[in-house]
Amino acid sequence: MDHTVQALSHAGGDVAAWQRWLRRRLRRLLGDAPSQRVPLNVRSLWKRRGALGGIEKILFTSEPGADAPAYVCIPKGIGSTPTWPGRGCSV
């Protein structure tokens, strides 16, 4: 970390101009975003409970013709009521 160059940090001056520059730079670094939005179509693959909480493996549609896996981890003691919209799972 001592030798890392922070090329994207704000070095002073006009914050709004730096934000515009940073957004353009991030878009170029991340690549093109899908041009078409699709429904997420979230599907649960499995759920497990453990001593530290629950975990659920899901698949969601990230772009037309492409599904992405993800893990939803719920620490013990958080409760079983989801706080995000559209999810009814209780792990």
PDB file of N, CA and C in Angstrom:
ATOM      1  N   MET A   1       0.812  -1.189   0.000  1.00  0.00           N
ATOM      2  CA  MET A   1       0.000   0.000   0.000  1.00  0.00           C
ATOM      3  C   MET A   1       0.858   1.256   0.000  1.00  0.00           C
ATOM      4  N   ASP A   2       2.055   1.169   0.542  1.00  0.00           N
ATOM      5  CA  ASP A   2       2.916   2.345   0.590  1.00  0.00           C
ATOM      6  C   ASP A   2       3.294   2.844  -0.798  1.00  0.00           C
ATOM      7  N   HIS A   3       3.267   1.958  -1.794  1.00  0.00           N
ATOM      8  CA  HIS A   3       3.710   2.308  -3.141  1.00  0.00           C
ATOM      9  C   HIS A   3       2.556   2.458  -4.127  1.00  0.00           C
ATOM     10  N   THR A   4       1.317   2.427  -3.642  1.00  0.00           N
ATOM     11  CA  THR A   4       0.145   2.532  -4.503  1.00  0.00           C
ATOM     12  C   THR A   4      -0.083   3.990  -4.908  1.00  0.00           C
ATOM     13  N   VAL A   5      -0.304   4.197  -6.195  1.00  0.00           N
ATOM     14  CA  VAL A   5      -0.623   5.530  -6.694  1.00  0.00           C
ATOM     15  C   VAL A   5      -2.146   5.663  -6.755  1.00  0.00           C
ATOM     16  N   GLN A   6      -2.691   6.665  -6.120  1.00  0.00           N
ATOM     17  CA  GLN A   6      -4.135   6.881  -6.115  1.00  0.00           C
ATOM     18  C   GLN A   6      -4.495   7.817  -7.263  1.00  0.00           C
ATOM     19  N   ALA A   7      -4.626   7.236  -8.436  1.00  0.00           N
ATOM     20  CA  ALA A   7      -4.831   8.013  -9.651  1.00  0.00           C
ATOM     21  C   ALA A   7      -6.227   8.619  -9.769  1.00  0.00           C
ATOM     22  N   LEU A   8      -7.201   8.112  -9.014  1.00  0.00           N
ATOM     23  CA  LEU A   8      -8.574   8.602  -9.153  1.00  0.00           C
ATOM     24  C   LEU A   8      -9.010   9.509  -8.004  1.00  0.00           C
ATOM     25  N   SER A   9      -8.125   9.794  -7.077  1.00  0.00           N
ATOM     26  CA  SER A   9      -8.509  10.593  -5.916  1.00  0.00           C
ATOM     27  C   SER A   9      -8.649  12.076  -6.285  1.00  0.00           C
ATOM     28  N   HIS A  10      -9.420  12.773  -5.476  1.00  0.00           N
ATOM     29  CA  HIS A  10      -9.630  14.207  -5.675  1.00  0.00           C
ATOM     30  C   HIS A  10      -8.414  14.946  -5.133  1.00  0.00           C
ATOM     31  N   ALA A  11      -7.794  15.734  -5.962  1.00  0.00           N
ATOM     32  CA  ALA A  11      -6.568  16.451  -5.572  1.00  0.00           C
ATOM     33  C   ALA A  11      -6.830  17.914  -5.269  1.00  0.00           C
ATOM     34  N   GLY A  12      -8.086  18.267  -5.069  1.00  0.00           N
ATOM     35  CA  GLY A  12      -8.431  19.658  -4.795  1.00  0.00           C
ATOM     36  C   GLY A  12      -9.056  20.310  -6.016  1.00  0.00           C
ATOM     37  N   GLY A  13      -9.637  21.448  -5.817  1.00  0.00           N
ATOM     38  CA  GLY A  13     -10.266  22.163  -6.921  1.00  0.00           C
ATOM     39  C   GLY A  13     -11.757  21.899  -6.988  1.00  0.00           C
ATOM     40  N   ASP A  14     -12.308  22.042  -8.175  1.00  0.00           N
ATOM     41  CA  ASP A  14     -13.739  21.934  -8.429  1.00  0.00           C
ATOM     42  C   ASP A  14     -14.214  20.479  -8.275  1.00  0.00           C
ATOM     43  N   VAL A  15     -14.987  20.219  -7.238  1.00  0.00           N
ATOM     44  CA  VAL A  15     -15.455  18.861  -6.958  1.00  0.00           C
ATOM     45  C   VAL A  15     -16.385  18.367  -8.062  1.00  0.00           C
ATOM     46  N   ALA A  16     -17.282  19.211  -8.552  1.00  0.00           N
ATOM     47  CA  ALA A  16     -18.228  18.802  -9.594  1.00  0.00           C
ATOM     48  C   ALA A  16     -17.495  18.394 -10.872  1.00  0.00           C
ATOM     49  N   ALA A  17     -16.459  19.131 -11.255  1.00  0.00           N
ATOM     50  CA  ALA A  17     -15.677  18.782 -12.444  1.00  0.00           C
ATOM     51  C   ALA A  17     -14.959  17.449 -12.234  1.00  0.00           C
ATOM     52  N   TRP A  18     -14.410  17.228 -11.044  1.00  0.00           N
ATOM     53  CA  TRP A  18     -13.749  15.960 -10.745  1.00  0.00           C
ATOM     54  C   TRP A  18     -14.740  14.803 -10.784  1.00  0.00           C
ATOM     55  N   GLN A  19     -15.954  15.005 -10.270  1.00  0.00           N
ATOM     56  CA  GLN A  19     -16.972  13.962 -10.297  1.00  0.00           C
ATOM     57  C   GLN A  19     -17.352  13.593 -11.732  1.00  0.00           C
ATOM     58  N   ARG A  20     -17.504  14.595 -12.604  1.00  0.00           N
ATOM     59  CA  ARG A  20     -17.814  14.311 -14.019  1.00  0.00           C
ATOM     60  C   ARG A  20     -16.685  13.507 -14.650  1.00  0.00           C
ATOM     61  N   TRP A  21     -15.442  13.927 -14.397  1.00  0.00           N
ATOM     62  CA  TRP A  21     -14.284  13.217 -14.936  1.00  0.00           C
ATOM     63  C   TRP A  21     -14.233  11.785 -14.408  1.00  0.00           C
ATOM     64  N   LEU A  22     -14.471  11.606 -13.105  1.00  0.00           N
ATOM     65  CA  LEU A  22     -14.420  10.284 -12.480  1.00  0.00           C
ATOM     66  C   LEU A  22     -15.494   9.363 -13.047  1.00  0.00           C
ATOM     67  N   ARG A  23     -16.708   9.875 -13.246  1.00  0.00           N
ATOM     68  CA  ARG A  23     -17.775   9.049 -13.829  1.00  0.00           C
ATOM     69  C   ARG A  23     -17.407   8.572 -15.233  1.00  0.00           C
ATOM     70  N   ARG A  24     -16.872   9.478 -16.058  1.00  0.00           N
ATOM     71  CA  ARG A  24     -16.431   9.075 -17.402  1.00  0.00           C
ATOM     72  C   ARG A  24     -15.345   8.016 -17.324  1.00  0.00           C
ATOM     73  N   ARG A  25     -14.387   8.213 -16.444  1.00  0.00           N
ATOM     74  CA  ARG A  25     -13.270   7.277 -16.285  1.00  0.00           C
ATOM     75  C   ARG A  25     -13.759   5.913 -15.811  1.00  0.00           C
ATOM     76  N   LEU A  26     -14.669   5.895 -14.836  1.00  0.00           N
ATOM     77  CA  LEU A  26     -15.204   4.626 -14.347  1.00  0.00           C
ATOM     78  C   LEU A  26     -15.981   3.880 -15.424  1.00  0.00           C
ATOM     79  N   ARG A  27     -16.785   4.611 -16.217  1.00  0.00           N
ATOM     80  CA  ARG A  27     -17.504   3.962 -17.320  1.00  0.00           C
ATOM     81  C   ARG A  27     -16.528   3.316 -18.299  1.00  0.00           C
ATOM     82  N   ARG A  28     -15.434   4.005 -18.590  1.00  0.00           N
ATOM     83  CA  ARG A  28     -14.434   3.447 -19.508  1.00  0.00           C
ATOM     84  C   ARG A  28     -13.743   2.226 -18.885  1.00  0.00           C
ATOM     85  N   LEU A  29     -13.430   2.281 -17.603  1.00  0.00           N
ATOM     86  CA  LEU A  29     -12.767   1.169 -16.934  1.00  0.00           C
ATOM     87  C   LEU A  29     -13.679  -0.047 -16.775  1.00  0.00           C
ATOM     88  N   LEU A  30     -14.970   0.184 -16.497  1.00  0.00           N
ATOM     89  CA  LEU A  30     -15.910  -0.914 -16.286  1.00  0.00           C
ATOM     90  C   LEU A  30     -16.444  -1.492 -17.583  1.00  0.00           C
ATOM     91  N   GLY A  31     -16.400  -0.745 -18.660  1.00  0.00           N
ATOM     92  CA  GLY A  31     -16.929  -1.223 -19.929  1.00  0.00           C
ATOM     93  C   GLY A  31     -18.374  -0.813 -20.112  1.00  0.00           C
ATOM     94  N   ASP A  32     -18.907  -1.189 -21.260  1.00  0.00           N
ATOM     95  CA  ASP A  32     -20.282  -0.824 -21.582  1.00  0.00           C
ATOM     96  C   ASP A  32     -21.275  -1.548 -20.686  1.00  0.00           C
ATOM     97  N   ALA A  33     -22.285  -0.822 -20.254  1.00  0.00           N
ATOM     98  CA  ALA A  33     -23.387  -1.411 -19.503  1.00  0.00           C
ATOM     99  C   ALA A  33     -24.392  -1.964 -20.508  1.00  0.00           C
ATOM    100  N   PRO A  34     -25.143  -2.980 -20.110  1.00  0.00           N
ATOM    101  CA  PRO A  34     -26.169  -3.495 -21.019  1.00  0.00           C
ATOM    102  C   PRO A  34     -27.123  -2.383 -21.434  1.00  0.00           C
ATOM    103  N   SER A  35     -27.491  -2.367 -22.693  1.00  0.00           N
ATOM    104  CA  SER A  35     -28.371  -1.309 -23.196  1.00  0.00           C
ATOM    105  C   SER A  35     -29.834  -1.560 -22.852  1.00  0.00           C
ATOM    106  N   GLN A  36     -30.171  -2.807 -22.534  1.00  0.00           N
ATOM    107  CA  GLN A  36     -31.559  -3.157 -22.243  1.00  0.00           C
ATOM    108  C   GLN A  36     -31.679  -3.611 -20.798  1.00  0.00           C
ATOM    109  N   ARG A  37     -32.609  -3.016 -20.055  1.00  0.00           N
ATOM    110  CA  ARG A  37     -32.882  -3.453 -18.687  1.00  0.00           C
ATOM    111  C   ARG A  37     -33.829  -4.641 -18.736  1.00  0.00           C
ATOM    112  N   VAL A  38     -33.590  -5.595 -17.861  1.00  0.00           N
ATOM    113  CA  VAL A  38     -34.437  -6.786 -17.797  1.00  0.00           C
ATOM    114  C   VAL A  38     -34.905  -6.980 -16.357  1.00  0.00           C
ATOM    115  N   PRO A  39     -36.037  -7.676 -16.166  1.00  0.00           N
ATOM    116  CA  PRO A  39     -36.457  -7.997 -14.800  1.00  0.00           C
ATOM    117  C   PRO A  39     -35.394  -8.866 -14.125  1.00  0.00           C
ATOM    118  N   LEU A  40     -35.179  -8.680 -12.826  1.00  0.00           N
ATOM    119  CA  LEU A  40     -34.150  -9.432 -12.111  1.00  0.00           C
ATOM    120  C   LEU A  40     -34.440 -10.933 -12.056  1.00  0.00           C
ATOM    121  N   ASN A  41     -35.706 -11.330 -11.973  1.00  0.00           N
ATOM    122  CA  ASN A  41     -36.079 -12.741 -11.988  1.00  0.00           C
ATOM    123  C   ASN A  41     -35.240 -13.544 -10.985  1.00  0.00           C
ATOM    124  N   VAL A  42     -35.287 -13.166  -9.713  1.00  0.00           N
ATOM    125  CA  VAL A  42     -34.477 -13.807  -8.670  1.00  0.00           C
ATOM    126  C   VAL A  42     -35.030 -15.191  -8.350  1.00  0.00           C
ATOM    127  N   ARG A  43     -34.140 -16.188  -8.340  1.00  0.00           N
ATOM    128  CA  ARG A  43     -34.506 -17.561  -7.985  1.00  0.00           C
ATOM    129  C   ARG A  43     -33.585 -18.065  -6.884  1.00  0.00           C
ATOM    130  N   SER A  44     -34.174 -18.707  -5.885  1.00  0.00           N
ATOM    131  CA  SER A  44     -33.402 -19.293  -4.795  1.00  0.00           C
ATOM    132  C   SER A  44     -32.943 -20.691  -5.201  1.00  0.00           C
ATOM    133  N   LEU A  45     -31.655 -20.965  -5.012  1.00  0.00           N
ATOM    134  CA  LEU A  45     -31.120 -22.293  -5.304  1.00  0.00           C
ATOM    135  C   LEU A  45     -31.080 -23.163  -4.061  1.00  0.00           C
ATOM    136  N   TRP A  46     -30.660 -22.584  -2.946  1.00  0.00           N
ATOM    137  CA  TRP A  46     -30.674 -23.288  -1.670  1.00  0.00           C
ATOM    138  C   TRP A  46     -30.536 -22.297  -0.518  1.00  0.00           C
ATOM    139  N   LYS A  47     -30.910 -22.768   0.673  1.00  0.00           N
ATOM    140  CA  LYS A  47     -30.794 -21.977   1.899  1.00  0.00           C
ATOM    141  C   LYS A  47     -30.175 -22.871   2.974  1.00  0.00           C
ATOM    142  N   ARG A  48     -29.337 -22.288   3.811  1.00  0.00           N
ATOM    143  CA  ARG A  48     -28.722 -23.014   4.922  1.00  0.00           C
ATOM    144  C   ARG A  48     -28.749 -22.124   6.162  1.00  0.00           C
ATOM    145  N   ARG A  49     -28.880 -22.760   7.312  1.00  0.00           N
ATOM    146  CA  ARG A  49     -28.762 -22.078   8.594  1.00  0.00           C
ATOM    147  C   ARG A  49     -27.529 -22.596   9.293  1.00  0.00           C
ATOM    148  N   GLY A  50     -26.822 -21.701   9.949  1.00  0.00           N
ATOM    149  CA  GLY A  50     -25.645 -22.086  10.709  1.00  0.00           C
ATOM    150  C   GLY A  50     -25.608 -21.350  12.026  1.00  0.00           C
ATOM    151  N   ALA A  51     -24.578 -21.607  12.798  1.00  0.00           N
ATOM    152  CA  ALA A  51     -24.445 -20.987  14.119  1.00  0.00           C
ATOM    153  C   ALA A  51     -24.321 -19.467  14.033  1.00  0.00           C
ATOM    154  N   LEU A  52     -23.785 -18.972  12.924  1.00  0.00           N
ATOM    155  CA  LEU A  52     -23.561 -17.534  12.778  1.00  0.00           C
ATOM    156  C   LEU A  52     -24.671 -16.813  12.026  1.00  0.00           C
ATOM    157  N   GLY A  53     -25.631 -17.555  11.471  1.00  0.00           N
ATOM    158  CA  GLY A  53     -26.718 -16.937  10.724  1.00  0.00           C
ATOM    159  C   GLY A  53     -27.140 -17.798   9.554  1.00  0.00           C
ATOM    160  N   GLY A  54     -27.737 -17.179   8.546  1.00  0.00           N
ATOM    161  CA  GLY A  54     -28.225 -17.914   7.386  1.00  0.00           C
ATOM    162  C   GLY A  54     -27.534 -17.462   6.111  1.00  0.00           C
ATOM    163  N   ILE A  55     -27.549 -18.350   5.140  1.00  0.00           N
ATOM    164  CA  ILE A  55     -26.985 -18.029   3.826  1.00  0.00           C
ATOM    165  C   ILE A  55     -27.908 -18.624   2.767  1.00  0.00           C
ATOM    166  N   GLU A  56     -28.093 -17.896   1.692  1.00  0.00           N
ATOM    167  CA  GLU A  56     -28.932 -18.342   0.582  1.00  0.00           C
ATOM    168  C   GLU A  56     -28.191 -18.088  -0.721  1.00  0.00           C
ATOM    169  N   LYS A  57     -28.160 -19.085  -1.579  1.00  0.00           N
ATOM    170  CA  LYS A  57     -27.571 -18.900  -2.905  1.00  0.00           C
ATOM    171  C   LYS A  57     -28.713 -18.611  -3.870  1.00  0.00           C
ATOM    172  N   ILE A  58     -28.574 -17.510  -4.614  1.00  0.00           N
ATOM    173  CA  ILE A  58     -29.616 -17.108  -5.559  1.00  0.00           C
ATOM    174  C   ILE A  58     -29.015 -16.957  -6.955  1.00  0.00           C
ATOM    175  N   LEU A  59     -29.887 -16.945  -7.940  1.00  0.00           N
ATOM    176  CA  LEU A  59     -29.539 -16.565  -9.309  1.00  0.00           C
ATOM    177  C   LEU A  59     -30.421 -15.395  -9.686  1.00  0.00           C
ATOM    178  N   PHE A  60     -29.872 -14.426 -10.404  1.00  0.00           N
ATOM    179  CA  PHE A  60     -30.696 -13.331 -10.899  1.00  0.00           C
ATOM    180  C   PHE A  60     -30.271 -13.019 -12.329  1.00  0.00           C
ATOM    181  N   THR A  61     -31.201 -12.504 -13.101  1.00  0.00           N
ATOM    182  CA  THR A  61     -30.918 -12.134 -14.483  1.00  0.00           C
ATOM    183  C   THR A  61     -30.235 -10.774 -14.479  1.00  0.00           C
ATOM    184  N   SER A  62     -28.999 -10.736 -14.986  1.00  0.00           N
ATOM    185  CA  SER A  62     -28.225  -9.496 -14.966  1.00  0.00           C
ATOM    186  C   SER A  62     -28.316  -8.713 -16.272  1.00  0.00           C
ATOM    187  N   GLU A  63     -28.510  -9.424 -17.373  1.00  0.00           N
ATOM    188  CA  GLU A  63     -28.714  -8.815 -18.680  1.00  0.00           C
ATOM    189  C   GLU A  63     -29.377  -9.858 -19.565  1.00  0.00           C
ATOM    190  N   PRO A  64     -29.903  -9.488 -20.719  1.00  0.00           N
ATOM    191  CA  PRO A  64     -30.596 -10.466 -21.551  1.00  0.00           C
ATOM    192  C   PRO A  64     -29.721 -11.692 -21.828  1.00  0.00           C
ATOM    193  N   GLY A  65     -30.247 -12.863 -21.461  1.00  0.00           N
ATOM    194  CA  GLY A  65     -29.545 -14.111 -21.720  1.00  0.00           C
ATOM    195  C   GLY A  65     -28.440 -14.443 -20.735  1.00  0.00           C
ATOM    196  N   ALA A  66     -28.306 -13.695 -19.642  1.00  0.00           N
ATOM    197  CA  ALA A  66     -27.217 -13.950 -18.696  1.00  0.00           C
ATOM    198  C   ALA A  66     -27.730 -13.915 -17.256  1.00  0.00           C
ATOM    199  N   ASP A  67     -27.501 -14.993 -16.536  1.00  0.00           N
ATOM    200  CA  ASP A  67     -27.839 -15.061 -15.123  1.00  0.00           C
ATOM    201  C   ASP A  67     -26.558 -14.992 -14.302  1.00  0.00           C
ATOM    202  N   ALA A  68     -26.656 -14.395 -13.129  1.00  0.00           N
ATOM    203  CA  ALA A  68     -25.497 -14.249 -12.243  1.00  0.00           C
ATOM    204  C   ALA A  68     -25.828 -14.865 -10.885  1.00  0.00           C
ATOM    205  N   PRO A  69     -24.906 -15.635 -10.311  1.00  0.00           N
ATOM    206  CA  PRO A  69     -25.131 -16.168  -8.965  1.00  0.00           C
ATOM    207  C   PRO A  69     -24.742 -15.149  -7.908  1.00  0.00           C
ATOM    208  N   ALA A  70     -25.339 -15.270  -6.753  1.00  0.00           N
ATOM    209  CA  ALA A  70     -24.988 -14.401  -5.620  1.00  0.00           C
ATOM    210  C   ALA A  70     -25.333 -15.129  -4.328  1.00  0.00           C
ATOM    211  N   TYR A  71     -24.690 -14.738  -3.262  1.00  0.00           N
ATOM    212  CA  TYR A  71     -24.985 -15.271  -1.938  1.00  0.00           C
ATOM    213  C   TYR A  71     -25.549 -14.150  -1.081  1.00  0.00           C
ATOM    214  N   VAL A  72     -26.649 -14.444  -0.389  1.00  0.00           N
ATOM    215  CA  VAL A  72     -27.253 -13.501   0.543  1.00  0.00           C
ATOM    216  C   VAL A  72     -26.960 -14.037   1.935  1.00  0.00           C
ATOM    217  N   CYS A  73     -26.196 -13.280   2.706  1.00  0.00           N
ATOM    218  CA  CYS A  73     -25.803 -13.701   4.054  1.00  0.00           C
ATOM    219  C   CYS A  73     -26.528 -12.844   5.084  1.00  0.00           C
ATOM    220  N   ILE A  74     -27.221 -13.505   6.001  1.00  0.00           N
ATOM    221  CA  ILE A  74     -27.963 -12.810   7.051  1.00  0.00           C
ATOM    222  C   ILE A  74     -27.350 -13.208   8.393  1.00  0.00           C
ATOM    223  N   PRO A  75     -26.661 -12.281   9.072  1.00  0.00           N
ATOM    224  CA  PRO A  75     -26.061 -12.604  10.362  1.00  0.00           C
ATOM    225  C   PRO A  75     -27.116 -12.967  11.405  1.00  0.00           C
ATOM    226  N   LYS A  76     -26.773 -13.854  12.317  1.00  0.00           N
ATOM    227  CA  LYS A  76     -27.670 -14.250  13.389  1.00  0.00           C
ATOM    228  C   LYS A  76     -28.047 -13.016  14.209  1.00  0.00           C
ATOM    229  N   GLY A  77     -29.309 -12.938  14.598  1.00  0.00           N
ATOM    230  CA  GLY A  77     -29.764 -11.831  15.423  1.00  0.00           C
ATOM    231  C   GLY A  77     -30.354 -10.671  14.638  1.00  0.00           C
ATOM    232  N   ILE A  78     -30.269 -10.715  13.309  1.00  0.00           N
ATOM    233  CA  ILE A  78     -30.832  -9.634  12.485  1.00  0.00           C
ATOM    234  C   ILE A  78     -32.350  -9.753  12.416  1.00  0.00           C
ATOM    235  N   GLY A  79     -32.867 -10.965  12.496  1.00  0.00           N
ATOM    236  CA  GLY A  79     -34.296 -11.192  12.370  1.00  0.00           C
ATOM    237  C   GLY A  79     -34.607 -11.848  11.037  1.00  0.00           C
ATOM    238  N   SER A  80     -35.818 -12.287  10.883  1.00  0.00           N
ATOM    239  CA  SER A  80     -36.174 -13.000   9.657  1.00  0.00           C
ATOM    240  C   SER A  80     -36.978 -12.155   8.687  1.00  0.00           C
ATOM    241  N   THR A  81     -37.260 -10.906   9.037  1.00  0.00           N
ATOM    242  CA  THR A  81     -38.018 -10.040   8.144  1.00  0.00           C
ATOM    243  C   THR A  81     -37.054  -9.296   7.232  1.00  0.00           C
ATOM    244  N   PRO A  82     -37.116  -9.554   5.914  1.00  0.00           N
ATOM    245  CA  PRO A  82     -36.202  -8.856   5.009  1.00  0.00           C
ATOM    246  C   PRO A  82     -36.492  -7.365   4.969  1.00  0.00           C
ATOM    247  N   THR A  83     -35.434  -6.572   4.816  1.00  0.00           N
ATOM    248  CA  THR A  83     -35.589  -5.115   4.783  1.00  0.00           C
ATOM    249  C   THR A  83     -35.458  -4.567   3.371  1.00  0.00           C
ATOM    250  N   TRP A  84     -35.303  -5.428   2.370  1.00  0.00           N
ATOM    251  CA  TRP A  84     -35.181  -4.986   0.995  1.00  0.00           C
ATOM    252  C   TRP A  84     -36.439  -5.373   0.243  1.00  0.00           C
ATOM    253  N   PRO A  85     -36.832  -4.622  -0.760  1.00  0.00           N
ATOM    254  CA  PRO A  85     -38.096  -4.884  -1.464  1.00  0.00           C
ATOM    255  C   PRO A  85     -38.023  -6.135  -2.322  1.00  0.00           C
ATOM    256  N   GLY A  86     -39.141  -6.838  -2.410  1.00  0.00           N
ATOM    257  CA  GLY A  86     -39.265  -7.955  -3.333  1.00  0.00           C
ATOM    258  C   GLY A  86     -38.726  -9.276  -2.823  1.00  0.00           C
ATOM    259  N   ARG A  87     -38.237  -9.334  -1.606  1.00  0.00           N
ATOM    260  CA  ARG A  87     -37.687 -10.591  -1.090  1.00  0.00           C
ATOM    261  C   ARG A  87     -38.566 -11.056   0.073  1.00  0.00           C
ATOM    262  N   GLY A  88     -38.938 -12.304   0.041  1.00  0.00           N
ATOM    263  CA  GLY A  88     -39.764 -12.854   1.096  1.00  0.00           C
ATOM    264  C   GLY A  88     -39.103 -14.031   1.764  1.00  0.00           C
ATOM    265  N   CYS A  89     -37.793 -14.196   1.624  1.00  0.00           N
ATOM    266  CA  CYS A  89     -37.135 -15.351   2.200  1.00  0.00           C
ATOM    267  C   CYS A  89     -36.848 -15.118   3.674  1.00  0.00           C
ATOM    268  N   SER A  90     -36.838 -16.177   4.417  1.00  0.00           N
ATOM    269  CA  SER A  90     -36.367 -16.101   5.799  1.00  0.00           C
ATOM    270  C   SER A  90     -35.432 -17.277   6.000  1.00  0.00           C
ATOM    271  N   VAL A  91     -34.186 -16.974   6.183  1.00  0.00           N
ATOM    272  CA  VAL A  91     -33.167 -18.018   6.319  1.00  0.00           C
ATOM    273  C   VAL A  91     -32.914 -18.330   7.764  1.00  0.00           C
TER     274      VAL A  91
END
